[in-house]
Amino acid sequence: MLYIKDRVSRSHRCGLLTRSFPKVLAENPKIHDIRPNVDAISSIVLKVGGFAYPHYFASLFGMSRVVGISRQIVYERLEARGGKGTPIVCPKYLYAGDETVSG
């Protein structure tokens, strides 16, 4: 059973990590993007919630994304535009000529 005090202190820890990580990571010149992704916070929540198998974190994150993508596909094919679905996207490639790209 989690008590209010535990919830507040755990929430405080997540906020502290979010604020302190950029400062610590900025010290390394090889790191350019110092914002934590959703997996950083999700792993903290799983650990605090008592999930004892951290080597499964990546699998759990992947499965949750698959569920979201699958739901989006079902919506687009069956429910969008009154059940007509959305058209399949066919990208067009346009020939730009003999222009050389310098970089």
Protein backbone atom coordinates (compact mmCIF):
# COMPACT_ATOMS: atom_id res chain seq x y z
CA MET A 1 0.00 0.00 0.00
CA LEU A 2 1.44 3.34 -1.01
CA TYR A 3 1.00 6.18 1.40
CA ILE A 4 0.57 9.82 0.38
CA LYS A 5 4.03 10.65 1.73
CA ASP A 6 5.60 7.96 -0.48
CA ARG A 7 3.75 9.22 -3.56
CA VAL A 8 4.87 12.78 -2.96
CA SER A 9 8.50 11.81 -2.42
CA ARG A 10 8.49 9.59 -5.54
CA SER A 11 6.92 12.35 -7.59
CA HIS A 12 9.54 14.72 -6.21
CA ARG A 13 12.29 12.27 -7.28
CA CYS A 14 10.95 12.12 -10.84
CA GLY A 15 10.90 15.91 -11.00
CA LEU A 16 14.38 16.11 -9.52
CA LEU A 17 15.72 13.67 -12.12
CA THR A 18 14.06 15.59 -14.94
CA ARG A 19 15.66 18.83 -13.75
CA SER A 20 19.11 17.46 -12.88
CA PHE A 21 19.75 15.12 -15.85
CA PRO A 22 20.22 17.92 -18.40
CA LYS A 23 22.81 19.63 -16.18
CA VAL A 24 24.81 16.44 -15.66
CA LEU A 25 24.59 15.30 -19.28
CA ALA A 26 25.54 18.74 -20.61
CA GLU A 27 29.01 18.19 -19.17
CA ASN A 28 29.68 15.56 -21.85
CA PRO A 29 30.47 17.32 -25.16
CA LYS A 30 29.33 14.31 -27.22
CA ILE A 31 25.73 14.55 -25.99
CA HIS A 32 23.60 16.99 -27.99
CA ASP A 33 19.99 16.11 -27.13
CA ILE A 34 19.70 16.15 -23.35
CA ARG A 35 15.94 15.81 -22.98
CA PRO A 36 14.87 12.50 -21.39
CA ASN A 37 12.42 10.45 -23.44
CA VAL A 38 9.25 8.89 -22.13
CA ASP A 39 11.04 5.60 -21.43
CA ALA A 40 13.16 7.25 -18.74
CA ILE A 41 10.13 8.28 -16.71
CA SER A 42 8.22 5.06 -17.50
CA SER A 43 11.09 2.94 -16.21
CA ILE A 44 11.10 4.92 -12.96
CA VAL A 45 7.36 4.33 -12.59
CA LEU A 46 7.76 0.59 -13.24
CA LYS A 47 10.62 0.33 -10.76
CA VAL A 48 8.74 2.25 -8.08
CA GLY A 49 5.63 0.17 -8.78
CA GLY A 50 7.55 -2.96 -7.85
CA PHE A 51 8.18 -4.48 -11.29
CA ALA A 52 11.23 -6.61 -10.52
CA TYR A 53 12.46 -7.38 -14.04
CA PRO A 54 14.17 -4.31 -15.54
CA HIS A 55 15.50 -6.32 -18.50
CA TYR A 56 11.88 -6.48 -19.75
CA PHE A 57 11.41 -2.69 -19.77
CA ALA A 58 12.27 -2.30 -23.46
CA SER A 59 9.86 -5.10 -24.41
CA LEU A 60 7.05 -3.50 -22.42
CA PHE A 61 7.66 -0.12 -24.07
CA GLY A 62 7.68 -1.76 -27.51
CA MET A 63 4.45 -3.67 -26.88
CA SER A 64 2.68 -0.52 -25.73
CA ARG A 65 3.73 1.25 -28.92
CA VAL A 66 2.49 -1.67 -31.04
CA VAL A 67 -0.91 -1.47 -29.35
CA GLY A 68 -1.12 2.26 -30.10
CA ILE A 69 -0.07 1.87 -33.72
CA SER A 70 -2.51 -1.04 -34.21
CA ARG A 71 -5.36 1.03 -32.82
CA GLN A 72 -4.50 3.87 -35.17
CA ILE A 73 -4.51 1.50 -38.16
CA VAL A 74 -7.89 0.04 -37.15
CA TYR A 75 -9.31 3.54 -36.77
CA GLU A 76 -7.96 4.71 -40.12
CA ARG A 77 -9.24 1.64 -42.00
CA LEU A 78 -12.62 1.08 -40.34
CA GLU A 79 -13.85 4.22 -38.60
CA ALA A 80 -12.41 7.28 -40.33
CA ARG A 81 -14.63 9.16 -42.79
CA GLY A 82 -17.77 7.39 -41.64
CA GLY A 83 -16.41 3.87 -42.13
CA LYS A 84 -14.89 4.54 -45.56
CA GLY A 85 -11.38 4.49 -44.16
CA THR A 86 -8.47 6.58 -45.29
CA PRO A 87 -6.77 6.10 -48.63
CA ILE A 88 -3.43 4.33 -48.80
CA VAL A 89 -0.68 6.89 -49.08
CA CYS A 90 1.41 6.62 -52.24
CA PRO A 91 4.33 9.05 -52.12
CA LYS A 92 5.29 10.81 -55.31
CA TYR A 93 8.89 11.22 -56.31
CA LEU A 94 9.59 14.15 -58.57
CA TYR A 95 12.67 14.28 -60.77
CA ALA A 96 14.61 17.42 -59.92
CA GLY A 97 16.87 17.41 -62.95
CA ASP A 98 20.64 17.32 -63.12
CA GLU A 99 21.17 19.71 -60.25
CA THR A 100 24.12 18.83 -58.07
CA VAL A 101 23.78 19.11 -54.37
CA SER A 102 26.72 20.61 -52.55
CA GLY A 103 27.12 20.12 -48.86
